[in-house]
Amino acid sequence: MNFWPGILNALKMILRFDPEMLRICFISVKVSLISTTLATLIGVPLGLLIGSKNFYGRGLLRLILNSLLAVPTVVIGLFIYYLLSRQGA
């Protein structure tokens, strides 16, 4: 399997600052920053609320949230893709 031509082509695109490659990188960084900002703005206040207040069902909620931490991110991404996909199962 000869993968060197592809690697050399990718290096040429990077070193030449190919406009299409830069656009793709910019979109990727933009989406990452937006998603991280939104997750922080939602997650930090909710985490502080759940961690500091006592309310009915807090133990169950913490159990569910801690269990969700064990789910691989790829599985979550596939689940969300399935929900947003226009094609049926």
PDB file of N, CA and C in Angstrom:
ATOM      1  N   MET A   1       0.845  -1.172   0.000  1.00  0.00           N
ATOM      2  CA  MET A   1       0.000   0.000   0.000  1.00  0.00           C
ATOM      3  C   MET A   1       0.896   1.242   0.000  1.00  0.00           C
ATOM      4  N   ASN A   2       0.725   2.062  -1.020  1.00  0.00           N
ATOM      5  CA  ASN A   2       1.570   3.236  -1.155  1.00  0.00           C
ATOM      6  C   ASN A   2       0.769   4.491  -0.807  1.00  0.00           C
ATOM      7  N   PHE A   3       1.010   5.014   0.382  1.00  0.00           N
ATOM      8  CA  PHE A   3       0.278   6.188   0.846  1.00  0.00           C
ATOM      9  C   PHE A   3       1.118   7.456   0.768  1.00  0.00           C
ATOM     10  N   TRP A   4       2.366   7.350   0.324  1.00  0.00           N
ATOM     11  CA  TRP A   4       3.251   8.516   0.300  1.00  0.00           C
ATOM     12  C   TRP A   4       2.784   9.628  -0.630  1.00  0.00           C
ATOM     13  N   PRO A   5       2.236   9.311  -1.811  1.00  0.00           N
ATOM     14  CA  PRO A   5       1.762  10.428  -2.659  1.00  0.00           C
ATOM     15  C   PRO A   5       0.680  11.277  -1.973  1.00  0.00           C
ATOM     16  N   GLY A   6      -0.200  10.638  -1.237  1.00  0.00           N
ATOM     17  CA  GLY A   6      -1.232  11.386  -0.525  1.00  0.00           C
ATOM     18  C   GLY A   6      -0.656  12.256   0.571  1.00  0.00           C
ATOM     19  N   ILE A   7       0.302  11.724   1.303  1.00  0.00           N
ATOM     20  CA  ILE A   7       0.942  12.499   2.372  1.00  0.00           C
ATOM     21  C   ILE A   7       1.716  13.676   1.787  1.00  0.00           C
ATOM     22  N   LEU A   8       2.445  13.423   0.690  1.00  0.00           N
ATOM     23  CA  LEU A   8       3.196  14.510   0.061  1.00  0.00           C
ATOM     24  C   LEU A   8       2.260  15.587  -0.487  1.00  0.00           C
ATOM     25  N   ASN A   9       1.141  15.173  -1.055  1.00  0.00           N
ATOM     26  CA  ASN A   9       0.160  16.137  -1.556  1.00  0.00           C
ATOM     27  C   ASN A   9      -0.415  16.970  -0.410  1.00  0.00           C
ATOM     28  N   ALA A  10      -0.698  16.329   0.714  1.00  0.00           N
ATOM     29  CA  ALA A  10      -1.221  17.060   1.875  1.00  0.00           C
ATOM     30  C   ALA A  10      -0.189  18.058   2.393  1.00  0.00           C
ATOM     31  N   LEU A  11       1.070  17.648   2.455  1.00  0.00           N
ATOM     32  CA  LEU A  11       2.126  18.568   2.911  1.00  0.00           C
ATOM     33  C   LEU A  11       2.269  19.755   1.964  1.00  0.00           C
ATOM     34  N   LYS A  12       2.163  19.507   0.653  1.00  0.00           N
ATOM     35  CA  LYS A  12       2.232  20.608  -0.306  1.00  0.00           C
ATOM     36  C   LYS A  12       1.087  21.593  -0.085  1.00  0.00           C
ATOM     37  N   MET A  13      -0.119  21.066   0.165  1.00  0.00           N
ATOM     38  CA  MET A  13      -1.272  21.941   0.403  1.00  0.00           C
ATOM     39  C   MET A  13      -1.064  22.789   1.655  1.00  0.00           C
ATOM     40  N   ILE A  14      -0.498  22.180   2.683  1.00  0.00           N
ATOM     41  CA  ILE A  14      -0.258  22.913   3.934  1.00  0.00           C
ATOM     42  C   ILE A  14       0.801  23.991   3.725  1.00  0.00           C
ATOM     43  N   LEU A  15       1.897  23.628   3.079  1.00  0.00           N
ATOM     44  CA  LEU A  15       3.001  24.580   2.902  1.00  0.00           C
ATOM     45  C   LEU A  15       2.649  25.697   1.922  1.00  0.00           C
ATOM     46  N   ARG A  16       1.753  25.430   0.990  1.00  0.00           N
ATOM     47  CA  ARG A  16       1.337  26.459   0.030  1.00  0.00           C
ATOM     48  C   ARG A  16       0.150  27.279   0.527  1.00  0.00           C
ATOM     49  N   PHE A  17      -0.327  26.974   1.723  1.00  0.00           N
ATOM     50  CA  PHE A  17      -1.501  27.649   2.287  1.00  0.00           C
ATOM     51  C   PHE A  17      -2.662  27.622   1.291  1.00  0.00           C
ATOM     52  N   ASP A  18      -2.999  26.415   0.856  1.00  0.00           N
ATOM     53  CA  ASP A  18      -4.085  26.221  -0.093  1.00  0.00           C
ATOM     54  C   ASP A  18      -5.373  26.833   0.460  1.00  0.00           C
ATOM     55  N   PRO A  19      -6.050  27.692  -0.316  1.00  0.00           N
ATOM     56  CA  PRO A  19      -7.258  28.376   0.185  1.00  0.00           C
ATOM     57  C   PRO A  19      -8.363  27.417   0.642  1.00  0.00           C
ATOM     58  N   GLU A  20      -8.561  26.338  -0.082  1.00  0.00           N
ATOM     59  CA  GLU A  20      -9.603  25.378   0.291  1.00  0.00           C
ATOM     60  C   GLU A  20      -9.270  24.697   1.619  1.00  0.00           C
ATOM     61  N   MET A  21      -7.999  24.349   1.789  1.00  0.00           N
ATOM     62  CA  MET A  21      -7.563  23.725   3.041  1.00  0.00           C
ATOM     63  C   MET A  21      -7.706  24.699   4.216  1.00  0.00           C
ATOM     64  N   LEU A  22      -7.355  25.945   3.983  1.00  0.00           N
ATOM     65  CA  LEU A  22      -7.488  26.946   5.045  1.00  0.00           C
ATOM     66  C   LEU A  22      -8.956  27.180   5.401  1.00  0.00           C
ATOM     67  N   ARG A  23      -9.828  27.175   4.399  1.00  0.00           N
ATOM     68  CA  ARG A  23     -11.262  27.350   4.653  1.00  0.00           C
ATOM     69  C   ARG A  23     -11.805  26.199   5.493  1.00  0.00           C
ATOM     70  N   ILE A  24     -11.402  24.990   5.168  1.00  0.00           N
ATOM     71  CA  ILE A  24     -11.847  23.816   5.919  1.00  0.00           C
ATOM     72  C   ILE A  24     -11.339  23.881   7.354  1.00  0.00           C
ATOM     73  N   CYS A  25     -10.079  24.260   7.527  1.00  0.00           N
ATOM     74  CA  CYS A  25      -9.522  24.380   8.881  1.00  0.00           C
ATOM     75  C   CYS A  25     -10.237  25.470   9.672  1.00  0.00           C
ATOM     76  N   PHE A  26     -10.529  26.589   9.037  1.00  0.00           N
ATOM     77  CA  PHE A  26     -11.225  27.687   9.714  1.00  0.00           C
ATOM     78  C   PHE A  26     -12.619  27.264  10.163  1.00  0.00           C
ATOM     79  N   ILE A  27     -13.330  26.545   9.303  1.00  0.00           N
ATOM     80  CA  ILE A  27     -14.674  26.076   9.671  1.00  0.00           C
ATOM     81  C   ILE A  27     -14.598  25.110  10.836  1.00  0.00           C
ATOM     82  N   SER A  28     -13.614  24.233  10.826  1.00  0.00           N
ATOM     83  CA  SER A  28     -13.462  23.265  11.913  1.00  0.00           C
ATOM     84  C   SER A  28     -13.182  23.960  13.244  1.00  0.00           C
ATOM     85  N   VAL A  29     -12.281  24.933  13.226  1.00  0.00           N
ATOM     86  CA  VAL A  29     -11.957  25.675  14.451  1.00  0.00           C
ATOM     87  C   VAL A  29     -13.167  26.487  14.914  1.00  0.00           C
ATOM     88  N   LYS A  30     -13.886  27.095  13.983  1.00  0.00           N
ATOM     89  CA  LYS A  30     -15.068  27.892  14.310  1.00  0.00           C
ATOM     90  C   LYS A  30     -16.147  27.042  14.978  1.00  0.00           C
ATOM     91  N   VAL A  31     -16.427  25.874  14.393  1.00  0.00           N
ATOM     92  CA  VAL A  31     -17.438  24.982  14.970  1.00  0.00           C
ATOM     93  C   VAL A  31     -17.006  24.505  16.355  1.00  0.00           C
ATOM     94  N   SER A  32     -15.733  24.187  16.513  1.00  0.00           N
ATOM     95  CA  SER A  32     -15.240  23.741  17.816  1.00  0.00           C
ATOM     96  C   SER A  32     -15.365  24.833  18.877  1.00  0.00           C
ATOM     97  N   LEU A  33     -15.021  26.051  18.516  1.00  0.00           N
ATOM     98  CA  LEU A  33     -15.120  27.161  19.479  1.00  0.00           C
ATOM     99  C   LEU A  33     -16.576  27.451  19.851  1.00  0.00           C
ATOM    100  N   ILE A  34     -17.461  27.432  18.871  1.00  0.00           N
ATOM    101  CA  ILE A  34     -18.877  27.693  19.161  1.00  0.00           C
ATOM    102  C   ILE A  34     -19.451  26.605  20.055  1.00  0.00           C
ATOM    103  N   SER A  35     -19.163  25.343  19.736  1.00  0.00           N
ATOM    104  CA  SER A  35     -19.723  24.250  20.538  1.00  0.00           C
ATOM    105  C   SER A  35     -19.145  24.243  21.950  1.00  0.00           C
ATOM    106  N   THR A  36     -17.865  24.546  22.089  1.00  0.00           N
ATOM    107  CA  THR A  36     -17.264  24.598  23.422  1.00  0.00           C
ATOM    108  C   THR A  36     -17.840  25.752  24.233  1.00  0.00           C
ATOM    109  N   THR A  37     -18.044  26.896  23.606  1.00  0.00           N
ATOM    110  CA  THR A  37     -18.625  28.051  24.302  1.00  0.00           C
ATOM    111  C   THR A  37     -20.045  27.753  24.766  1.00  0.00           C
ATOM    112  N   LEU A  38     -20.861  27.204  23.868  1.00  0.00           N
ATOM    113  CA  LEU A  38     -22.237  26.871  24.243  1.00  0.00           C
ATOM    114  C   LEU A  38     -22.283  25.826  25.351  1.00  0.00           C
ATOM    115  N   ALA A  39     -21.454  24.800  25.243  1.00  0.00           N
ATOM    116  CA  ALA A  39     -21.429  23.758  26.277  1.00  0.00           C
ATOM    117  C   ALA A  39     -20.994  24.329  27.622  1.00  0.00           C
ATOM    118  N   THR A  40     -20.048  25.259  27.600  1.00  0.00           N
ATOM    119  CA  THR A  40     -19.593  25.879  28.846  1.00  0.00           C
ATOM    120  C   THR A  40     -20.672  26.763  29.452  1.00  0.00           C
ATOM    121  N   LEU A  41     -21.324  27.558  28.608  1.00  0.00           N
ATOM    122  CA  LEU A  41     -22.369  28.456  29.108  1.00  0.00           C
ATOM    123  C   LEU A  41     -23.558  27.689  29.695  1.00  0.00           C
ATOM    124  N   ILE A  42     -23.833  26.517  29.171  1.00  0.00           N
ATOM    125  CA  ILE A  42     -24.936  25.708  29.681  1.00  0.00           C
ATOM    126  C   ILE A  42     -24.469  24.798  30.817  1.00  0.00           C
ATOM    127  N   GLY A  43     -23.337  24.159  30.630  1.00  0.00           N
ATOM    128  CA  GLY A  43     -22.885  23.126  31.557  1.00  0.00           C
ATOM    129  C   GLY A  43     -22.389  23.621  32.905  1.00  0.00           C
ATOM    130  N   VAL A  44     -21.654  24.715  32.904  1.00  0.00           N
ATOM    131  CA  VAL A  44     -21.091  25.198  34.173  1.00  0.00           C
ATOM    132  C   VAL A  44     -22.189  25.638  35.149  1.00  0.00           C
ATOM    133  N   PRO A  45     -23.153  26.465  34.729  1.00  0.00           N
ATOM    134  CA  PRO A  45     -24.214  26.823  35.684  1.00  0.00           C
ATOM    135  C   PRO A  45     -25.034  25.617  36.148  1.00  0.00           C
ATOM    136  N   LEU A  46     -25.359  24.706  35.218  1.00  0.00           N
ATOM    137  CA  LEU A  46     -26.110  23.521  35.635  1.00  0.00           C
ATOM    138  C   LEU A  46     -25.298  22.637  36.580  1.00  0.00           C
ATOM    139  N   GLY A  47     -24.012  22.504  36.309  1.00  0.00           N
ATOM    140  CA  GLY A  47     -23.152  21.725  37.193  1.00  0.00           C
ATOM    141  C   GLY A  47     -23.058  22.336  38.588  1.00  0.00           C
ATOM    142  N   LEU A  48     -22.946  23.652  38.646  1.00  0.00           N
ATOM    143  CA  LEU A  48     -22.913  24.331  39.949  1.00  0.00           C
ATOM    144  C   LEU A  48     -24.242  24.156  40.682  1.00  0.00           C
ATOM    145  N   LEU A  49     -25.336  24.248  39.959  1.00  0.00           N
ATOM    146  CA  LEU A  49     -26.657  24.085  40.567  1.00  0.00           C
ATOM    147  C   LEU A  49     -26.840  22.670  41.110  1.00  0.00           C
ATOM    148  N   ILE A  50     -26.505  21.683  40.298  1.00  0.00           N
ATOM    149  CA  ILE A  50     -26.668  20.283  40.723  1.00  0.00           C
ATOM    150  C   ILE A  50     -25.726  19.953  41.872  1.00  0.00           C
ATOM    151  N   GLY A  51     -24.528  20.513  41.839  1.00  0.00           N
ATOM    152  CA  GLY A  51     -23.556  20.209  42.885  1.00  0.00           C
ATOM    153  C   GLY A  51     -23.792  20.919  44.201  1.00  0.00           C
ATOM    154  N   SER A  52     -24.464  22.053  44.165  1.00  0.00           N
ATOM    155  CA  SER A  52     -24.576  22.845  45.398  1.00  0.00           C
ATOM    156  C   SER A  52     -25.956  22.818  46.052  1.00  0.00           C
ATOM    157  N   LYS A  53     -26.990  22.485  45.321  1.00  0.00           N
ATOM    158  CA  LYS A  53     -28.347  22.501  45.883  1.00  0.00           C
ATOM    159  C   LYS A  53     -28.839  21.095  46.168  1.00  0.00           C
ATOM    160  N   ASN A  54     -29.644  20.984  47.202  1.00  0.00           N
ATOM    161  CA  ASN A  54     -30.311  19.726  47.515  1.00  0.00           C
ATOM    162  C   ASN A  54     -31.745  19.801  47.006  1.00  0.00           C
ATOM    163  N   PHE A  55     -32.139  18.818  46.206  1.00  0.00           N
ATOM    164  CA  PHE A  55     -33.499  18.775  45.680  1.00  0.00           C
ATOM    165  C   PHE A  55     -33.884  17.323  45.460  1.00  0.00           C
ATOM    166  N   TYR A  56     -35.186  17.105  45.330  1.00  0.00           N
ATOM    167  CA  TYR A  56     -35.705  15.756  45.142  1.00  0.00           C
ATOM    168  C   TYR A  56     -35.210  15.203  43.798  1.00  0.00           C
ATOM    169  N   GLY A  57     -34.620  14.026  43.813  1.00  0.00           N
ATOM    170  CA  GLY A  57     -34.130  13.380  42.607  1.00  0.00           C
ATOM    171  C   GLY A  57     -32.685  13.703  42.279  1.00  0.00           C
ATOM    172  N   ARG A  58     -32.014  14.435  43.166  1.00  0.00           N
ATOM    173  CA  ARG A  58     -30.628  14.824  42.909  1.00  0.00           C
ATOM    174  C   ARG A  58     -29.719  13.606  42.790  1.00  0.00           C
ATOM    175  N   GLY A  59     -29.926  12.624  43.654  1.00  0.00           N
ATOM    176  CA  GLY A  59     -29.099  11.424  43.609  1.00  0.00           C
ATOM    177  C   GLY A  59     -29.258  10.660  42.300  1.00  0.00           C
ATOM    178  N   LEU A  60     -30.507  10.526  41.859  1.00  0.00           N
ATOM    179  CA  LEU A  60     -30.765   9.844  40.595  1.00  0.00           C
ATOM    180  C   LEU A  60     -30.178  10.625  39.416  1.00  0.00           C
ATOM    181  N   LEU A  61     -30.333  11.946  39.434  1.00  0.00           N
ATOM    182  CA  LEU A  61     -29.787  12.783  38.375  1.00  0.00           C
ATOM    183  C   LEU A  61     -28.265  12.661  38.316  1.00  0.00           C
ATOM    184  N   ARG A  62     -27.618  12.684  39.463  1.00  0.00           N
ATOM    185  CA  ARG A  62     -26.156  12.532  39.498  1.00  0.00           C
ATOM    186  C   ARG A  62     -25.734  11.156  39.013  1.00  0.00           C
ATOM    187  N   LEU A  63     -26.505  10.119  39.360  1.00  0.00           N
ATOM    188  CA  LEU A  63     -26.214   8.775  38.885  1.00  0.00           C
ATOM    189  C   LEU A  63     -26.297   8.708  37.364  1.00  0.00           C
ATOM    190  N   ILE A  64     -27.342   9.304  36.801  1.00  0.00           N
ATOM    191  CA  ILE A  64     -27.510   9.303  35.343  1.00  0.00           C
ATOM    192  C   ILE A  64     -26.386  10.084  34.665  1.00  0.00           C
ATOM    193  N   LEU A  65     -26.078  11.257  35.182  1.00  0.00           N
ATOM    194  CA  LEU A  65     -25.023  12.073  34.578  1.00  0.00           C
ATOM    195  C   LEU A  65     -23.664  11.399  34.672  1.00  0.00           C
ATOM    196  N   ASN A  66     -23.366  10.775  35.808  1.00  0.00           N
ATOM    197  CA  ASN A  66     -22.092  10.060  35.937  1.00  0.00           C
ATOM    198  C   ASN A  66     -22.037   8.846  35.016  1.00  0.00           C
ATOM    199  N   SER A  67     -23.165   8.187  34.803  1.00  0.00           N
ATOM    200  CA  SER A  67     -23.212   7.054  33.882  1.00  0.00           C
ATOM    201  C   SER A  67     -22.981   7.514  32.442  1.00  0.00           C
ATOM    202  N   LEU A  68     -23.523   8.667  32.082  1.00  0.00           N
ATOM    203  CA  LEU A  68     -23.333   9.193  30.729  1.00  0.00           C
ATOM    204  C   LEU A  68     -21.872   9.544  30.445  1.00  0.00           C
ATOM    205  N   LEU A  69     -21.099   9.814  31.490  1.00  0.00           N
ATOM    206  CA  LEU A  69     -19.677  10.108  31.296  1.00  0.00           C
ATOM    207  C   LEU A  69     -18.917   8.897  30.753  1.00  0.00           C
ATOM    208  N   ALA A  70     -19.462   7.693  30.971  1.00  0.00           N
ATOM    209  CA  ALA A  70     -18.797   6.474  30.513  1.00  0.00           C
ATOM    210  C   ALA A  70     -19.099   6.157  29.051  1.00  0.00           C
ATOM    211  N   VAL A  71     -20.054   6.862  28.443  1.00  0.00           N
ATOM    212  CA  VAL A  71     -20.419   6.598  27.046  1.00  0.00           C
ATOM    213  C   VAL A  71     -19.377   7.256  26.138  1.00  0.00           C
ATOM    214  N   PRO A  72     -18.812   6.494  25.200  1.00  0.00           N
ATOM    215  CA  PRO A  72     -17.816   7.081  24.295  1.00  0.00           C
ATOM    216  C   PRO A  72     -18.428   8.203  23.449  1.00  0.00           C
ATOM    217  N   THR A  73     -17.643   9.219  23.177  1.00  0.00           N
ATOM    218  CA  THR A  73     -18.133  10.366  22.423  1.00  0.00           C
ATOM    219  C   THR A  73     -18.539   9.985  21.001  1.00  0.00           C
ATOM    220  N   VAL A  74     -17.907   8.965  20.447  1.00  0.00           N
ATOM    221  CA  VAL A  74     -18.283   8.519  19.101  1.00  0.00           C
ATOM    222  C   VAL A  74     -19.722   8.008  19.100  1.00  0.00           C
ATOM    223  N   VAL A  75     -20.107   7.293  20.145  1.00  0.00           N
ATOM    224  CA  VAL A  75     -21.471   6.774  20.238  1.00  0.00           C
ATOM    225  C   VAL A  75     -22.462   7.930  20.328  1.00  0.00           C
ATOM    226  N   ILE A  76     -22.137   8.935  21.102  1.00  0.00           N
ATOM    227  CA  ILE A  76     -23.006  10.106  21.224  1.00  0.00           C
ATOM    228  C   ILE A  76     -23.113  10.830  19.888  1.00  0.00           C
ATOM    229  N   GLY A  77     -21.984  10.975  19.193  1.00  0.00           N
ATOM    230  CA  GLY A  77     -21.998  11.620  17.883  1.00  0.00           C
ATOM    231  C   GLY A  77     -22.840  10.864  16.872  1.00  0.00           C
ATOM    232  N   LEU A  78     -22.735   9.536  16.868  1.00  0.00           N
ATOM    233  CA  LEU A  78     -23.551   8.736  15.958  1.00  0.00           C
ATOM    234  C   LEU A  78     -25.032   8.838  16.296  1.00  0.00           C
ATOM    235  N   PHE A  79     -25.345   8.871  17.581  1.00  0.00           N
ATOM    236  CA  PHE A  79     -26.737   9.001  18.008  1.00  0.00           C
ATOM    237  C   PHE A  79     -27.318  10.342  17.550  1.00  0.00           C
ATOM    238  N   ILE A  80     -26.562  11.414  17.731  1.00  0.00           N
ATOM    239  CA  ILE A  80     -27.035  12.730  17.309  1.00  0.00           C
ATOM    240  C   ILE A  80     -27.146  12.792  15.788  1.00  0.00           C
ATOM    241  N   TYR A  81     -26.193  12.193  15.081  1.00  0.00           N
ATOM    242  CA  TYR A  81     -26.281  12.145  13.623  1.00  0.00           C
ATOM    243  C   TYR A  81     -27.539  11.406  13.190  1.00  0.00           C
ATOM    244  N   TYR A  82     -27.841  10.312  13.862  1.00  0.00           N
ATOM    245  CA  TYR A  82     -29.035   9.534  13.545  1.00  0.00           C
ATOM    246  C   TYR A  82     -30.300  10.369  13.787  1.00  0.00           C
ATOM    247  N   LEU A  83     -30.310  11.145  14.864  1.00  0.00           N
ATOM    248  CA  LEU A  83     -31.461  11.990  15.147  1.00  0.00           C
ATOM    249  C   LEU A  83     -31.628  13.103  14.118  1.00  0.00           C
ATOM    250  N   LEU A  84     -30.528  13.658  13.624  1.00  0.00           N
ATOM    251  CA  LEU A  84     -30.586  14.775  12.694  1.00  0.00           C
ATOM    252  C   LEU A  84     -30.661  14.341  11.234  1.00  0.00           C
ATOM    253  N   SER A  85     -30.403  13.070  10.965  1.00  0.00           N
ATOM    254  CA  SER A  85     -30.383  12.578   9.603  1.00  0.00           C
ATOM    255  C   SER A  85     -31.787  12.595   9.002  1.00  0.00           C
ATOM    256  N   ARG A  86     -31.867  12.887   7.734  1.00  0.00           N
ATOM    257  CA  ARG A  86     -33.162  12.911   7.049  1.00  0.00           C
ATOM    258  C   ARG A  86     -33.583  11.526   6.601  1.00  0.00           C
ATOM    259  N   GLN A  87     -32.676  10.579   6.589  1.00  0.00           N
ATOM    260  CA  GLN A  87     -33.003   9.236   6.146  1.00  0.00           C
ATOM    261  C   GLN A  87     -33.500   8.405   7.328  1.00  0.00           C
ATOM    262  N   GLY A  88     -34.415   7.545   7.078  1.00  0.00           N
ATOM    263  CA  GLY A  88     -34.933   6.668   8.122  1.00  0.00           C
ATOM    264  C   GLY A  88     -33.980   5.528   8.409  1.00  0.00           C
ATOM    265  N   ALA A  89     -34.266   4.794   9.434  1.00  0.00           N
ATOM    266  CA  ALA A  89     -33.396   3.678   9.820  1.00  0.00           C
ATOM    267  C   ALA A  89     -33.560   2.498   8.906  1.00  0.00           C
TER     268      ALA A  89
END
